[in-house]
N, C-alpha and C. Protein backbone atom coordinates (compact mmCIF):
# COMPACT_ATOMS: atom_id res chain seq x y z
N PHE A 1 47.07 12.37 -11.20
CA PHE A 1 47.26 11.02 -11.70
C PHE A 1 48.14 11.06 -12.95
N ARG A 2 48.84 9.97 -13.22
CA ARG A 2 49.70 9.90 -14.40
C ARG A 2 48.99 9.26 -15.58
N CYS A 3 48.06 8.37 -15.29
CA CYS A 3 47.35 7.67 -16.35
C CYS A 3 46.06 7.10 -15.77
N ALA A 4 44.98 7.18 -16.51
CA ALA A 4 43.71 6.59 -16.08
C ALA A 4 43.19 5.72 -17.21
N VAL A 5 42.77 4.51 -16.87
CA VAL A 5 42.13 3.62 -17.83
C VAL A 5 40.70 3.46 -17.36
N MET A 6 39.77 3.91 -18.20
CA MET A 6 38.37 3.97 -17.78
C MET A 6 37.46 3.44 -18.88
N MET A 7 36.28 2.97 -18.47
CA MET A 7 35.28 2.51 -19.43
C MET A 7 34.12 3.50 -19.44
N PHE A 8 33.72 3.88 -20.66
CA PHE A 8 32.61 4.82 -20.86
C PHE A 8 31.65 4.26 -21.91
N GLN A 9 30.48 4.87 -21.97
CA GLN A 9 29.59 4.57 -23.09
C GLN A 9 30.32 4.95 -24.38
N GLU A 10 30.07 4.20 -25.42
CA GLU A 10 30.83 4.35 -26.66
C GLU A 10 30.81 5.78 -27.22
N GLU A 11 29.65 6.39 -27.28
CA GLU A 11 29.58 7.74 -27.87
C GLU A 11 30.41 8.74 -27.08
N PHE A 12 30.34 8.68 -25.75
CA PHE A 12 31.12 9.58 -24.91
C PHE A 12 32.62 9.34 -25.13
N ALA A 13 33.02 8.08 -25.15
CA ALA A 13 34.43 7.74 -25.35
C ALA A 13 34.93 8.24 -26.71
N LEU A 14 34.10 8.11 -27.73
CA LEU A 14 34.49 8.59 -29.06
C LEU A 14 34.56 10.11 -29.10
N ARG A 15 33.70 10.79 -28.35
CA ARG A 15 33.77 12.26 -28.27
C ARG A 15 35.08 12.71 -27.65
N LEU A 16 35.58 11.97 -26.67
CA LEU A 16 36.83 12.36 -26.00
C LEU A 16 38.00 12.45 -26.97
N SER A 17 38.01 11.57 -27.97
CA SER A 17 39.16 11.53 -28.89
C SER A 17 38.80 11.95 -30.31
N ALA A 18 37.62 12.53 -30.52
CA ALA A 18 37.21 12.94 -31.87
C ALA A 18 38.16 14.00 -32.43
N LYS A 19 38.36 13.95 -33.73
CA LYS A 19 39.25 14.88 -34.44
C LYS A 19 38.42 15.93 -35.18
N PRO A 20 39.04 17.06 -35.52
CA PRO A 20 38.33 18.11 -36.26
C PRO A 20 37.70 17.55 -37.54
N GLY A 21 36.47 17.95 -37.78
CA GLY A 21 35.75 17.52 -38.97
C GLY A 21 34.87 16.30 -38.74
N GLU A 22 35.10 15.56 -37.65
CA GLU A 22 34.25 14.41 -37.35
C GLU A 22 32.95 14.88 -36.71
N ALA A 23 31.90 14.12 -36.89
CA ALA A 23 30.58 14.50 -36.38
C ALA A 23 30.57 14.65 -34.85
N LEU A 24 31.36 13.85 -34.15
CA LEU A 24 31.35 13.88 -32.68
C LEU A 24 32.30 14.92 -32.08
N TYR A 25 33.05 15.64 -32.92
CA TYR A 25 33.99 16.67 -32.44
C TYR A 25 33.19 17.79 -31.77
N CYS A 26 33.54 18.10 -30.51
CA CYS A 26 32.78 19.07 -29.75
C CYS A 26 33.67 19.74 -28.70
N ARG A 27 33.06 20.56 -27.86
CA ARG A 27 33.80 21.22 -26.76
C ARG A 27 34.53 20.22 -25.89
N LEU A 28 33.87 19.12 -25.58
CA LEU A 28 34.48 18.08 -24.76
C LEU A 28 35.77 17.58 -25.41
N SER A 29 35.73 17.34 -26.71
CA SER A 29 36.91 16.86 -27.44
C SER A 29 38.07 17.84 -27.31
N VAL A 30 37.79 19.10 -27.57
CA VAL A 30 38.83 20.14 -27.56
C VAL A 30 39.41 20.29 -26.17
N ASN A 31 38.55 20.42 -25.17
CA ASN A 31 39.04 20.63 -23.79
C ASN A 31 39.80 19.42 -23.27
N THR A 32 39.32 18.23 -23.56
CA THR A 32 40.01 17.02 -23.12
C THR A 32 41.38 16.91 -23.77
N GLN A 33 41.43 17.15 -25.09
CA GLN A 33 42.68 17.01 -25.81
C GLN A 33 43.66 18.14 -25.49
N LEU A 34 43.16 19.27 -25.01
CA LEU A 34 44.05 20.34 -24.55
C LEU A 34 44.82 19.88 -23.32
N LEU A 35 44.14 19.20 -22.43
CA LEU A 35 44.72 18.86 -21.13
C LEU A 35 45.25 17.43 -21.04
N ALA A 36 44.90 16.56 -21.98
CA ALA A 36 45.31 15.16 -21.88
C ALA A 36 45.43 14.51 -23.25
N LYS A 37 46.15 13.40 -23.27
CA LYS A 37 46.23 12.56 -24.46
C LYS A 37 45.23 11.43 -24.23
N VAL A 38 44.35 11.19 -25.20
CA VAL A 38 43.31 10.18 -25.05
C VAL A 38 43.50 9.11 -26.13
N ASP A 39 43.53 7.85 -25.70
CA ASP A 39 43.64 6.72 -26.63
C ASP A 39 42.47 5.77 -26.42
N GLN A 40 41.89 5.32 -27.52
CA GLN A 40 40.84 4.29 -27.47
C GLN A 40 41.56 2.94 -27.38
N LEU A 41 41.32 2.19 -26.31
CA LEU A 41 42.00 0.92 -26.14
C LEU A 41 41.23 -0.26 -26.70
N MET A 42 39.94 -0.33 -26.39
CA MET A 42 39.16 -1.46 -26.87
C MET A 42 37.66 -1.17 -26.79
N LYS A 43 36.94 -1.91 -27.63
CA LYS A 43 35.48 -1.84 -27.60
C LYS A 43 34.99 -2.99 -26.72
N VAL A 44 33.98 -2.70 -25.89
CA VAL A 44 33.40 -3.72 -25.03
C VAL A 44 31.93 -3.87 -25.43
N GLY A 45 31.58 -5.01 -25.96
CA GLY A 45 30.22 -5.25 -26.43
C GLY A 45 29.22 -5.33 -25.29
N ARG A 46 27.98 -5.04 -25.59
CA ARG A 46 26.93 -5.07 -24.57
C ARG A 46 26.69 -6.48 -24.04
N ASN A 47 27.06 -7.48 -24.82
CA ASN A 47 26.83 -8.87 -24.39
C ASN A 47 27.79 -9.32 -23.30
N ASN A 48 28.75 -8.48 -22.95
CA ASN A 48 29.68 -8.80 -21.86
C ASN A 48 29.10 -8.46 -20.49
N PHE A 49 27.89 -7.94 -20.46
CA PHE A 49 27.25 -7.53 -19.20
C PHE A 49 25.94 -8.29 -19.03
N ARG A 50 25.56 -8.49 -17.79
CA ARG A 50 24.27 -9.09 -17.46
C ARG A 50 23.53 -8.19 -16.51
N PRO A 51 22.36 -7.74 -16.77
CA PRO A 51 21.70 -7.81 -18.07
C PRO A 51 22.40 -6.89 -19.07
N PRO A 52 22.31 -7.18 -20.35
CA PRO A 52 22.99 -6.36 -21.35
C PRO A 52 22.39 -4.96 -21.40
N PRO A 53 23.25 -3.91 -21.38
CA PRO A 53 22.74 -2.55 -21.50
C PRO A 53 22.31 -2.26 -22.94
N LYS A 54 21.73 -1.11 -23.15
CA LYS A 54 21.27 -0.73 -24.49
C LYS A 54 22.36 -0.09 -25.32
N VAL A 55 23.52 0.16 -24.73
CA VAL A 55 24.60 0.84 -25.44
C VAL A 55 25.89 0.02 -25.39
N GLU A 56 26.77 0.25 -26.36
CA GLU A 56 28.09 -0.35 -26.38
C GLU A 56 29.01 0.48 -25.47
N SER A 57 30.15 -0.08 -25.10
CA SER A 57 31.11 0.62 -24.25
C SER A 57 32.49 0.59 -24.88
N ARG A 58 33.36 1.47 -24.39
CA ARG A 58 34.75 1.49 -24.83
C ARG A 58 35.64 1.75 -23.63
N VAL A 59 36.85 1.21 -23.69
CA VAL A 59 37.86 1.47 -22.68
C VAL A 59 38.85 2.47 -23.27
N VAL A 60 39.12 3.54 -22.52
CA VAL A 60 40.04 4.58 -22.99
C VAL A 60 41.15 4.80 -21.96
N ARG A 61 42.30 5.25 -22.46
CA ARG A 61 43.40 5.64 -21.58
C ARG A 61 43.55 7.15 -21.68
N ILE A 62 43.58 7.81 -20.52
CA ILE A 62 43.73 9.26 -20.46
C ILE A 62 45.03 9.57 -19.71
N GLU A 63 45.93 10.27 -20.39
CA GLU A 63 47.20 10.68 -19.79
C GLU A 63 47.27 12.20 -19.78
N PRO A 64 47.27 12.83 -18.61
CA PRO A 64 47.36 14.30 -18.55
C PRO A 64 48.65 14.80 -19.20
N ARG A 65 48.55 15.93 -19.88
CA ARG A 65 49.74 16.55 -20.47
C ARG A 65 50.56 17.16 -19.34
N ASN A 66 51.85 16.86 -19.34
CA ASN A 66 52.71 17.36 -18.28
C ASN A 66 53.92 18.03 -18.91
N PRO A 67 54.08 19.33 -18.80
CA PRO A 67 53.20 20.25 -18.06
C PRO A 67 51.97 20.60 -18.89
N PRO A 68 50.91 21.07 -18.22
CA PRO A 68 49.73 21.50 -18.97
C PRO A 68 50.07 22.71 -19.82
N PRO A 69 49.33 22.93 -20.91
CA PRO A 69 49.63 24.07 -21.78
C PRO A 69 49.49 25.40 -21.03
N PRO A 70 50.33 26.37 -21.36
CA PRO A 70 50.29 27.66 -20.66
C PRO A 70 49.15 28.54 -21.18
N VAL A 71 47.93 28.19 -20.82
CA VAL A 71 46.76 28.94 -21.28
C VAL A 71 45.85 29.20 -20.08
N ASN A 72 45.24 30.37 -20.05
CA ASN A 72 44.27 30.70 -19.02
C ASN A 72 43.01 29.89 -19.34
N PHE A 73 42.74 28.86 -18.53
CA PHE A 73 41.65 27.95 -18.88
C PHE A 73 40.28 28.64 -18.86
N THR A 74 40.08 29.60 -17.99
CA THR A 74 38.80 30.31 -17.95
C THR A 74 38.58 31.05 -19.26
N GLU A 75 39.62 31.72 -19.73
CA GLU A 75 39.56 32.44 -21.01
C GLU A 75 39.38 31.46 -22.16
N TRP A 76 40.14 30.38 -22.14
CA TRP A 76 40.06 29.34 -23.16
C TRP A 76 38.64 28.79 -23.24
N ASP A 77 38.08 28.40 -22.09
CA ASP A 77 36.76 27.80 -22.07
C ASP A 77 35.69 28.80 -22.53
N GLY A 78 35.88 30.07 -22.19
CA GLY A 78 34.94 31.09 -22.66
C GLY A 78 34.89 31.15 -24.18
N MET A 79 36.06 31.12 -24.82
CA MET A 79 36.11 31.17 -26.29
C MET A 79 35.55 29.88 -26.89
N ILE A 80 35.97 28.73 -26.36
CA ILE A 80 35.53 27.45 -26.91
C ILE A 80 34.02 27.28 -26.75
N ARG A 81 33.50 27.67 -25.59
CA ARG A 81 32.05 27.59 -25.35
C ARG A 81 31.29 28.43 -26.38
N LEU A 82 31.78 29.63 -26.62
CA LEU A 82 31.13 30.54 -27.57
C LEU A 82 31.18 29.98 -29.00
N LEU A 83 32.35 29.51 -29.42
CA LEU A 83 32.51 29.04 -30.79
C LEU A 83 31.79 27.73 -31.05
N PHE A 84 31.69 26.86 -30.05
CA PHE A 84 31.01 25.58 -30.26
C PHE A 84 29.51 25.66 -30.00
N ASN A 85 29.03 26.83 -29.59
CA ASN A 85 27.59 27.02 -29.45
C ASN A 85 26.91 26.78 -30.79
N ARG A 86 27.58 27.19 -31.86
CA ARG A 86 27.11 26.98 -33.24
C ARG A 86 28.32 26.53 -34.04
N LYS A 87 28.79 25.31 -33.83
CA LYS A 87 30.08 24.88 -34.35
C LYS A 87 30.17 24.82 -35.88
N ASN A 88 29.05 24.75 -36.57
CA ASN A 88 29.10 24.67 -38.03
C ASN A 88 28.93 26.02 -38.72
N LYS A 89 28.72 27.08 -37.94
CA LYS A 89 28.70 28.44 -38.51
C LYS A 89 30.13 28.95 -38.62
N THR A 90 30.35 29.92 -39.48
CA THR A 90 31.69 30.49 -39.58
C THR A 90 32.01 31.24 -38.28
N LEU A 91 33.30 31.37 -37.99
CA LEU A 91 33.72 32.08 -36.79
C LEU A 91 33.15 33.50 -36.79
N ARG A 92 33.19 34.15 -37.95
CA ARG A 92 32.68 35.52 -38.05
C ARG A 92 31.19 35.57 -37.71
N ALA A 93 30.41 34.64 -38.24
CA ALA A 93 28.96 34.61 -37.99
C ALA A 93 28.67 34.40 -36.50
N VAL A 94 29.44 33.56 -35.85
CA VAL A 94 29.23 33.30 -34.42
C VAL A 94 29.57 34.54 -33.60
N LEU A 95 30.67 35.20 -33.95
CA LEU A 95 31.17 36.31 -33.14
C LEU A 95 30.48 37.65 -33.41
N MET A 96 29.86 37.82 -34.57
CA MET A 96 29.26 39.10 -34.91
C MET A 96 27.80 39.23 -34.44
N VAL A 97 27.38 38.37 -33.54
CA VAL A 97 26.04 38.46 -32.95
C VAL A 97 26.04 39.60 -31.92
N LYS A 98 24.98 40.38 -31.87
CA LYS A 98 24.93 41.56 -30.99
C LYS A 98 25.22 41.22 -29.53
N ALA A 99 24.63 40.15 -29.03
CA ALA A 99 24.84 39.77 -27.63
C ALA A 99 26.31 39.42 -27.37
N THR A 100 26.94 38.77 -28.31
CA THR A 100 28.36 38.42 -28.18
C THR A 100 29.23 39.66 -28.20
N ILE A 101 28.93 40.58 -29.11
CA ILE A 101 29.70 41.83 -29.20
C ILE A 101 29.58 42.60 -27.90
N LYS A 102 28.36 42.67 -27.36
CA LYS A 102 28.14 43.38 -26.09
C LYS A 102 28.96 42.74 -24.97
N MET A 103 28.95 41.40 -24.89
CA MET A 103 29.71 40.70 -23.87
C MET A 103 31.21 40.97 -24.02
N LEU A 104 31.71 40.93 -25.25
CA LEU A 104 33.14 41.16 -25.49
C LEU A 104 33.53 42.61 -25.17
N GLU A 105 32.62 43.56 -25.43
CA GLU A 105 32.89 44.96 -25.06
C GLU A 105 32.99 45.11 -23.54
N GLU A 106 32.07 44.47 -22.82
CA GLU A 106 32.12 44.51 -21.36
C GLU A 106 33.41 43.86 -20.84
N ASN A 107 33.78 42.74 -21.42
CA ASN A 107 35.02 42.07 -21.02
C ASN A 107 36.23 42.96 -21.29
N MET A 108 36.20 43.66 -22.42
CA MET A 108 37.31 44.55 -22.78
C MET A 108 37.45 45.68 -21.76
N ARG A 109 36.30 46.28 -21.38
CA ARG A 109 36.32 47.35 -20.37
C ARG A 109 36.79 46.83 -19.02
N THR A 110 36.29 45.67 -18.62
CA THR A 110 36.68 45.09 -17.34
C THR A 110 38.17 44.78 -17.31
N HIS A 111 38.67 44.18 -18.37
CA HIS A 111 40.09 43.83 -18.44
C HIS A 111 40.95 45.09 -18.39
N ALA A 112 40.54 46.13 -19.09
CA ALA A 112 41.29 47.39 -19.07
C ALA A 112 41.29 47.99 -17.66
N ALA A 113 40.14 47.96 -16.99
CA ALA A 113 40.04 48.52 -15.64
C ALA A 113 40.91 47.74 -14.65
N LEU A 114 40.89 46.42 -14.76
CA LEU A 114 41.68 45.58 -13.85
C LEU A 114 43.18 45.78 -14.05
N ASN A 115 43.58 46.09 -15.28
CA ASN A 115 45.00 46.27 -15.58
C ASN A 115 45.43 47.73 -15.55
N GLY A 116 44.49 48.62 -15.23
CA GLY A 116 44.82 50.05 -15.13
C GLY A 116 45.21 50.68 -16.45
N THR A 117 44.68 50.17 -17.55
CA THR A 117 44.98 50.75 -18.86
C THR A 117 43.79 51.56 -19.35
N MET A 118 44.08 52.55 -20.15
CA MET A 118 43.03 53.38 -20.73
C MET A 118 42.52 52.70 -21.99
N LEU A 119 41.22 52.76 -22.17
CA LEU A 119 40.59 52.16 -23.33
C LEU A 119 40.35 53.26 -24.36
N ASP A 120 40.83 53.04 -25.57
CA ASP A 120 40.64 53.99 -26.65
C ASP A 120 39.19 53.89 -27.14
N ASP A 121 38.45 55.00 -27.04
CA ASP A 121 37.03 54.98 -27.42
C ASP A 121 36.81 54.72 -28.91
N SER A 122 37.85 54.93 -29.72
CA SER A 122 37.70 54.71 -31.16
C SER A 122 37.81 53.22 -31.52
N VAL A 123 38.29 52.41 -30.57
CA VAL A 123 38.42 50.97 -30.82
C VAL A 123 37.06 50.32 -30.65
N ARG A 124 36.59 49.65 -31.70
CA ARG A 124 35.30 48.98 -31.67
C ARG A 124 35.51 47.48 -31.79
N VAL A 125 34.79 46.74 -30.96
CA VAL A 125 34.92 45.28 -30.95
C VAL A 125 34.59 44.70 -32.32
N GLU A 126 33.56 45.23 -32.98
CA GLU A 126 33.19 44.72 -34.30
C GLU A 126 34.36 44.81 -35.27
N ASN A 127 35.11 45.92 -35.21
CA ASN A 127 36.24 46.11 -36.12
C ASN A 127 37.36 45.11 -35.81
N ILE A 128 37.59 44.85 -34.53
CA ILE A 128 38.62 43.89 -34.15
C ILE A 128 38.23 42.49 -34.61
N ILE A 129 36.96 42.12 -34.40
CA ILE A 129 36.48 40.81 -34.84
C ILE A 129 36.65 40.69 -36.35
N GLU A 130 36.27 41.75 -37.06
CA GLU A 130 36.39 41.75 -38.52
C GLU A 130 37.84 41.60 -38.95
N ASP A 131 38.76 42.27 -38.25
CA ASP A 131 40.18 42.16 -38.58
C ASP A 131 40.68 40.73 -38.36
N VAL A 132 40.24 40.10 -37.30
CA VAL A 132 40.75 38.76 -36.95
C VAL A 132 40.10 37.66 -37.79
N VAL A 133 38.77 37.68 -37.93
CA VAL A 133 38.08 36.56 -38.60
C VAL A 133 37.32 36.98 -39.86
N GLY A 134 37.53 38.20 -40.31
CA GLY A 134 36.79 38.70 -41.47
C GLY A 134 37.28 38.13 -42.79
N GLU A 135 36.75 38.70 -43.87
CA GLU A 135 36.99 38.23 -45.23
C GLU A 135 38.47 38.15 -45.61
N ASN A 136 39.28 39.08 -45.13
CA ASN A 136 40.67 39.15 -45.56
C ASN A 136 41.65 38.55 -44.56
N SER A 137 41.17 37.73 -43.65
CA SER A 137 42.06 37.14 -42.65
C SER A 137 42.28 35.67 -42.93
N ARG A 138 43.24 35.07 -42.24
CA ARG A 138 43.49 33.63 -42.43
C ARG A 138 42.35 32.79 -41.86
N TRP A 139 41.48 33.40 -41.05
CA TRP A 139 40.37 32.68 -40.43
C TRP A 139 39.07 32.82 -41.22
N ALA A 140 39.12 33.52 -42.35
CA ALA A 140 37.91 33.75 -43.15
C ALA A 140 37.30 32.42 -43.57
N GLY A 141 36.00 32.27 -43.33
CA GLY A 141 35.28 31.08 -43.73
C GLY A 141 35.53 29.85 -42.87
N LYS A 142 36.35 29.97 -41.83
CA LYS A 142 36.65 28.82 -40.97
C LYS A 142 35.52 28.59 -39.98
N ARG A 143 35.36 27.34 -39.59
CA ARG A 143 34.32 26.93 -38.65
C ARG A 143 34.96 26.18 -37.48
N ALA A 144 34.39 26.33 -36.30
CA ALA A 144 34.94 25.69 -35.10
C ALA A 144 35.04 24.17 -35.27
N ALA A 145 34.09 23.59 -35.97
CA ALA A 145 34.06 22.14 -36.14
C ALA A 145 35.25 21.61 -36.92
N LYS A 146 35.98 22.49 -37.61
CA LYS A 146 37.10 22.06 -38.45
C LYS A 146 38.46 22.50 -37.89
N LEU A 147 38.49 23.24 -36.79
CA LEU A 147 39.75 23.75 -36.25
C LEU A 147 40.35 22.77 -35.26
N ASP A 148 41.68 22.69 -35.24
CA ASP A 148 42.35 21.83 -34.27
C ASP A 148 42.84 22.66 -33.08
N LEU A 149 43.49 22.00 -32.13
CA LEU A 149 43.95 22.68 -30.91
C LEU A 149 44.87 23.85 -31.21
N ASP A 150 45.82 23.66 -32.12
CA ASP A 150 46.76 24.73 -32.45
C ASP A 150 46.03 25.93 -33.03
N ASP A 151 45.03 25.68 -33.87
CA ASP A 151 44.23 26.78 -34.44
C ASP A 151 43.53 27.57 -33.33
N PHE A 152 42.91 26.85 -32.39
CA PHE A 152 42.21 27.53 -31.30
C PHE A 152 43.18 28.34 -30.43
N LEU A 153 44.35 27.78 -30.16
CA LEU A 153 45.35 28.50 -29.36
C LEU A 153 45.82 29.76 -30.09
N GLN A 154 46.05 29.67 -31.39
CA GLN A 154 46.46 30.83 -32.17
C GLN A 154 45.35 31.88 -32.23
N LEU A 155 44.11 31.42 -32.38
CA LEU A 155 42.98 32.34 -32.43
C LEU A 155 42.83 33.08 -31.10
N LEU A 156 42.93 32.36 -30.00
CA LEU A 156 42.85 33.00 -28.68
C LEU A 156 43.97 34.01 -28.50
N ALA A 157 45.18 33.65 -28.90
CA ALA A 157 46.33 34.57 -28.79
C ALA A 157 46.11 35.82 -29.63
N GLU A 158 45.56 35.64 -30.81
CA GLU A 158 45.30 36.79 -31.71
C GLU A 158 44.27 37.74 -31.10
N PHE A 159 43.20 37.19 -30.55
CA PHE A 159 42.19 38.04 -29.91
C PHE A 159 42.78 38.73 -28.68
N ASN A 160 43.51 37.99 -27.86
CA ASN A 160 44.10 38.58 -26.65
C ASN A 160 45.08 39.69 -26.99
N LYS A 161 45.86 39.50 -28.05
CA LYS A 161 46.83 40.51 -28.48
C LYS A 161 46.12 41.82 -28.86
N ARG A 162 44.90 41.71 -29.36
CA ARG A 162 44.13 42.89 -29.77
C ARG A 162 43.18 43.40 -28.68
N GLY A 163 43.27 42.81 -27.48
CA GLY A 163 42.49 43.30 -26.36
C GLY A 163 41.13 42.66 -26.17
N ILE A 164 40.84 41.61 -26.93
CA ILE A 164 39.56 40.91 -26.77
C ILE A 164 39.78 39.72 -25.84
N HIS A 165 38.94 39.64 -24.79
CA HIS A 165 39.05 38.57 -23.79
C HIS A 165 37.68 37.91 -23.64
N PHE A 166 37.70 36.61 -23.39
CA PHE A 166 36.48 35.83 -23.35
C PHE A 166 36.05 35.48 -21.93
N SER A 167 36.67 36.11 -20.92
CA SER A 167 36.25 35.87 -19.54
C SER A 167 36.37 37.14 -18.75
């Protein structure tokens, strides 16, 4: 489709177009805005319906980005899902959890095996995470709730360049 004009419950509609730092900014906001341009067209009051619902509504216009961004969506969604699991924690705090490190190590081994590359045993996922989002990086102290699309794309590229994959 080239354009869709749809009516949603107000909170959902606002989540679609929420910006970094807003309370409603979430995975849905990031993924929607990656793939489409979303505009809030109008508010529709509950009194326009019979019987009146308990929530307000909004009409939004969704236009898919053409062409879509050149990103592996499975990898993208893996990173976004992980970072928005605790969106107000720092990126380092989210990524340095033992279960996350274990998952990223498995992904690293799988990716190396699929591509026929040798994995250097001295390379540790914790060290790579620390290099990318640690104290001395441009991502130090950053939180998913405050990052925009370009930040997420750069972060994914930085991790991929160092051999860390989220799918």
